[in-house]
């Protein structure tokens, strides 16, 4: 009789452990999904800001057609709906690189850099980038906790029975960390300076600020002459 009670106690104990493990796994999985939705909201906000930014740059640098089209193509690819967080991170990394080149082009036009609409869009984009980075850290921490439970004993047994799988990290590709930062030796002369890699992933320049309302009208100006050097062109690449 004692053996029966012992076995019954073990069964109850295992059931309690199983229920606790199951609830913990489901709770973490739901938090991971919630964390991904937060990233998705910020990414959509970023995508919505880009067309206005491109139109503003076009008013001053319409002949930079290749860079402008590259940004819009990267935006379309990022908005196409990646099947996994890893694929989404890859597409967003390509978009960040294209945006970095767009900002490098903008540095060659002092009038554009002083345009209030451009400054407001740039600040709002920088603020959005900061929120994306914060949401990414939160999401990846949840993914780490879930994956640890899925792989650990005895919760891995419950995970296999419940069909709870490992989640994917949202990791920015290493190439995104090399977003160009332009430094001009002489602003008055209008000559471009050296290009250096930003040490802050996803940084587009300027301090982080709260989003502000941008003026509705997009300014138009006479495009600068052909003689202005293209900062996006590699100095070692021959002209087409």
Protein backbone atom coordinates (compact mmCIF):
# COMPACT_ATOMS: atom_id res chain seq x y z
CA UNK A 1 0.00 0.00 0.00
CA UNK A 2 2.85 2.36 0.83
CA UNK A 3 4.41 1.67 -2.57
CA UNK A 4 1.12 2.57 -4.25
CA UNK A 5 1.00 5.89 -2.41
CA UNK A 6 4.62 6.59 -3.30
CA UNK A 7 3.95 5.89 -6.97
CA UNK A 8 0.81 8.00 -6.85
CA UNK A 9 2.79 10.84 -5.27
CA UNK A 10 5.43 10.60 -8.00
CA UNK A 11 2.74 10.73 -10.67
CA UNK A 12 1.18 13.80 -9.08
CA UNK A 13 4.60 15.44 -8.74
CA UNK A 14 5.42 14.77 -12.38
CA UNK A 15 2.05 16.13 -13.43
CA UNK A 16 2.60 19.32 -11.44
CA UNK A 17 6.09 19.77 -12.88
CA UNK A 18 4.73 19.13 -16.37
CA UNK A 19 1.94 21.69 -15.96
CA UNK A 20 4.32 24.31 -14.60
CA UNK A 21 6.81 23.69 -17.42
CA UNK A 22 4.05 23.80 -20.04
CA UNK A 23 2.62 27.06 -18.72
CA UNK A 24 6.07 28.60 -18.60
CA UNK A 25 6.83 27.58 -22.18
CA UNK A 26 3.51 28.89 -23.49
CA UNK A 27 3.97 32.15 -21.57
CA UNK A 28 7.44 32.66 -23.05
CA UNK A 29 6.24 31.81 -26.55
CA UNK A 30 3.46 34.40 -26.26
CA UNK A 31 5.94 37.01 -25.02
CA UNK A 32 8.22 36.27 -27.98
CA UNK A 33 5.30 36.80 -30.37
CA UNK A 34 4.40 40.03 -28.58
CA UNK A 35 8.02 41.20 -28.79
CA UNK A 36 8.05 40.53 -32.52
CA UNK A 37 4.86 42.54 -32.99
CA UNK A 38 6.56 45.51 -31.31
CA UNK A 39 9.46 45.26 -33.76
CA UNK A 40 7.03 44.99 -36.66
CA UNK A 41 5.24 48.19 -35.61
CA UNK A 42 8.50 50.15 -35.55
CA UNK A 43 9.63 48.68 -38.87
CA UNK A 44 6.37 49.77 -40.49
CA UNK A 45 6.87 53.25 -39.09
CA UNK A 46 10.37 53.31 -40.58
CA UNK A 47 9.04 52.19 -43.97
CA UNK A 48 6.39 54.94 -43.92
CA UNK A 49 8.98 57.67 -43.33
CA UNK A 50 11.22 56.72 -46.25
CA UNK A 51 9.08 57.93 -49.22
CA UNK A 52 8.86 61.47 -47.79
CA UNK A 53 12.59 61.43 -47.11
CA UNK A 54 13.34 60.33 -50.67
CA UNK A 55 11.02 62.98 -52.13
CA UNK A 56 12.71 65.69 -50.07
CA UNK A 57 16.18 64.61 -51.22
CA UNK A 58 14.92 64.42 -54.81
CA UNK A 59 14.04 68.11 -54.69
CA UNK A 60 17.72 68.96 -54.25
CA UNK A 61 19.49 66.00 -55.85
CA UNK A 62 17.16 64.67 -58.54
CA UNK A 63 20.13 63.50 -60.61
CA UNK A 64 21.08 61.02 -57.85
CA UNK A 65 18.54 58.70 -59.40
CA UNK A 66 20.48 55.50 -58.74
CA UNK A 67 20.70 56.05 -54.98
CA UNK A 68 17.05 57.12 -54.70
CA UNK A 69 15.83 54.10 -56.65
CA UNK A 70 18.05 51.81 -54.59
CA UNK A 71 16.44 53.04 -51.37
CA UNK A 72 12.91 52.53 -52.69
CA UNK A 73 13.79 49.06 -54.02
CA UNK A 74 15.23 48.07 -50.62
CA UNK A 75 12.11 49.43 -48.93
CA UNK A 76 9.86 47.36 -51.20
CA UNK A 77 11.91 44.24 -50.46
CA UNK A 78 11.68 44.88 -46.71
CA UNK A 79 7.91 45.39 -46.92
CA UNK A 80 7.34 42.24 -48.98
CA UNK A 81 6.82 40.16 -45.86
CA UNK A 82 9.79 38.01 -44.85
CA UNK A 83 8.78 34.51 -43.69
CA UNK A 84 11.14 34.48 -40.69
CA UNK A 85 12.76 37.03 -38.36
CA UNK A 86 16.17 36.12 -39.78
CA UNK A 87 15.01 36.89 -43.32
CA UNK A 88 13.40 40.13 -42.12
CA UNK A 89 16.66 41.15 -40.44
CA UNK A 90 18.54 40.53 -43.69
CA UNK A 91 16.11 42.69 -45.68
CA UNK A 92 16.19 45.46 -43.08
CA UNK A 93 19.98 45.36 -43.11
CA UNK A 94 19.96 45.98 -46.86
CA UNK A 95 17.56 48.87 -46.32
CA UNK A 96 19.82 50.37 -43.64
CA UNK A 97 22.78 50.25 -46.02
CA UNK A 98 20.76 52.00 -48.74
CA UNK A 99 19.65 54.67 -46.24
CA UNK A 100 23.25 55.18 -45.19
CA UNK A 101 24.20 55.88 -48.81
CA UNK A 102 21.24 58.27 -49.13
CA UNK A 103 22.44 60.21 -46.10
CA UNK A 104 25.93 60.31 -47.59
CA UNK A 105 24.47 61.90 -50.72
CA UNK A 106 22.56 64.43 -48.60
CA UNK A 107 25.81 65.55 -46.98
CA UNK A 108 26.95 66.95 -50.34
CA UNK A 109 24.08 69.48 -50.42
CA UNK A 110 24.23 72.14 -47.65
CA UNK A 111 20.82 73.55 -48.62
CA UNK A 112 19.26 70.13 -48.20
CA UNK A 113 20.92 69.59 -44.82
CA UNK A 114 19.45 72.90 -43.65
CA UNK A 115 15.95 72.12 -44.92
CA UNK A 116 13.53 71.89 -41.97
CA UNK A 117 11.46 69.15 -43.56
CA UNK A 118 14.57 67.03 -44.14
CA UNK A 119 15.82 67.64 -40.59
CA UNK A 120 12.47 66.66 -39.07
CA UNK A 121 12.32 63.47 -41.14
CA UNK A 122 15.92 62.63 -40.29
CA UNK A 123 15.28 63.12 -36.56
CA UNK A 124 12.14 61.03 -36.68
CA UNK A 125 13.93 58.28 -38.58
CA UNK A 126 16.77 58.31 -36.05
CA UNK A 127 14.27 58.09 -33.20
CA UNK A 128 12.58 55.15 -34.93
CA UNK A 129 15.93 53.42 -35.37
CA UNK A 130 16.54 53.77 -31.62
CA UNK A 131 13.16 52.20 -30.83
CA UNK A 132 13.84 49.36 -33.25
CA UNK A 133 17.16 48.68 -31.50
CA UNK A 134 15.45 48.70 -28.09
CA UNK A 135 12.66 46.38 -29.27
CA UNK A 136 15.25 44.08 -30.86
CA UNK A 137 17.14 43.72 -27.58
CA UNK A 138 13.91 42.93 -25.69
CA UNK A 139 12.80 40.40 -28.31
CA UNK A 140 16.18 38.64 -28.48
CA UNK A 141 16.28 38.34 -24.67
CA UNK A 142 12.89 36.60 -24.75
CA UNK A 143 14.05 34.31 -27.56
CA UNK A 144 17.12 33.36 -25.52
CA UNK A 145 14.95 32.47 -22.51
CA UNK A 146 12.54 30.41 -24.63
CA UNK A 147 15.30 28.54 -26.44
CA UNK A 148 17.02 27.76 -23.14
CA UNK A 149 13.86 26.14 -21.80
CA UNK A 150 13.23 24.26 -25.05
CA UNK A 151 16.71 22.75 -24.85
CA UNK A 152 16.92 22.15 -21.09
CA UNK A 153 15.85 19.09 -19.08
CA UNK A 154 13.08 18.41 -18.14
CA UNK A 155 11.30 21.26 -19.92
CA UNK A 156 12.55 19.99 -23.29
CA UNK A 157 10.38 16.88 -22.85
CA UNK A 158 7.32 19.04 -22.29
CA UNK A 159 8.32 21.25 -25.22
CA UNK A 160 8.50 18.25 -27.55
CA UNK A 161 5.12 16.97 -26.37
CA UNK A 162 3.53 20.43 -26.69
CA UNK A 163 5.15 21.23 -30.04
CA UNK A 164 6.96 24.33 -28.75
CA UNK A 165 9.94 25.02 -31.04
CA UNK A 166 13.00 27.22 -30.87
CA UNK A 167 12.47 30.83 -31.94
CA UNK A 168 14.71 32.80 -34.29
CA UNK A 169 16.71 35.82 -33.23
CA UNK A 170 16.28 39.15 -35.00
CA UNK A 171 19.93 39.93 -35.56
CA UNK A 172 21.19 42.83 -37.62
CA UNK A 173 23.67 41.66 -40.28
CA UNK A 174 27.24 42.70 -39.56
CA UNK A 175 27.40 44.77 -42.74
CA UNK A 176 24.70 47.08 -41.37
CA UNK A 177 27.13 48.27 -38.71
CA UNK A 178 29.20 49.90 -41.45
CA UNK A 179 26.67 52.63 -42.27
CA UNK A 180 28.72 55.50 -43.71
CA UNK A 181 29.25 58.73 -41.79
CA UNK A 182 30.44 61.70 -43.81
CA UNK A 183 32.77 64.38 -42.45
CA UNK A 184 33.45 67.57 -44.40
CA UNK A 185 36.66 69.45 -44.01
CA UNK A 186 35.29 72.69 -45.51
CA UNK A 187 31.55 73.28 -45.58
CA UNK A 188 31.94 76.56 -47.39
CA UNK A 189 33.83 75.00 -50.25
CA UNK A 190 31.25 72.27 -50.55
CA UNK A 191 33.92 69.57 -50.92
CA UNK A 192 33.30 66.14 -49.41
CA UNK A 193 35.61 64.86 -46.73
CA UNK A 194 36.47 61.36 -45.66
CA UNK A 195 33.96 58.56 -45.25
CA UNK A 196 34.19 56.58 -42.05
CA UNK A 197 32.20 53.63 -40.76
CA UNK A 198 29.74 54.32 -37.97
CA UNK A 199 30.38 52.31 -34.83
CA UNK A 200 26.70 52.36 -33.96
CA UNK A 201 24.60 49.80 -35.86
CA UNK A 202 21.72 51.36 -37.73
CA UNK A 203 22.79 54.92 -36.92
CA UNK A 204 21.79 57.45 -39.53
CA UNK A 205 23.43 60.45 -37.93
CA UNK A 206 22.24 63.07 -35.48
CA UNK A 207 21.07 62.68 -31.88
CA UNK A 208 18.00 60.73 -30.95
CA UNK A 209 14.96 62.94 -30.54
CA UNK A 210 11.29 62.54 -30.00
CA UNK A 211 9.26 62.31 -33.21
CA UNK A 212 8.12 65.73 -34.45
CA UNK A 213 5.60 66.81 -37.02
CA UNK A 214 7.19 67.50 -40.39
CA UNK A 215 5.85 70.27 -42.63
CA UNK A 216 3.49 68.98 -45.25
CA UNK A 217 4.93 70.79 -48.28
CA UNK A 218 8.02 69.35 -49.84
CA UNK A 219 10.44 72.09 -50.95
CA UNK A 220 11.73 72.11 -54.47
CA UNK A 221 15.04 73.63 -55.47
CA UNK A 222 17.29 73.84 -58.48
CA UNK A 223 19.43 70.70 -58.60
CA UNK A 224 23.15 71.37 -58.21
CA UNK A 225 25.40 71.18 -61.24
CA UNK A 226 26.91 68.01 -62.60
CA UNK A 227 30.33 69.07 -61.31
CA UNK A 228 29.43 68.24 -57.70
CA UNK A 229 31.24 65.01 -56.72
CA UNK A 230 29.11 61.99 -55.93
CA UNK A 231 29.99 60.86 -52.36
CA UNK A 232 28.45 57.45 -52.99
CA UNK A 233 30.89 56.63 -55.79
CA UNK A 234 34.04 54.75 -54.88
CA UNK A 235 37.08 56.82 -55.70
CA UNK A 236 38.69 53.79 -57.34
CA UNK A 237 35.79 53.09 -59.65
CA UNK A 238 36.06 54.61 -63.14
CA UNK A 239 33.23 56.81 -64.37
CA UNK A 240 30.66 55.08 -66.55
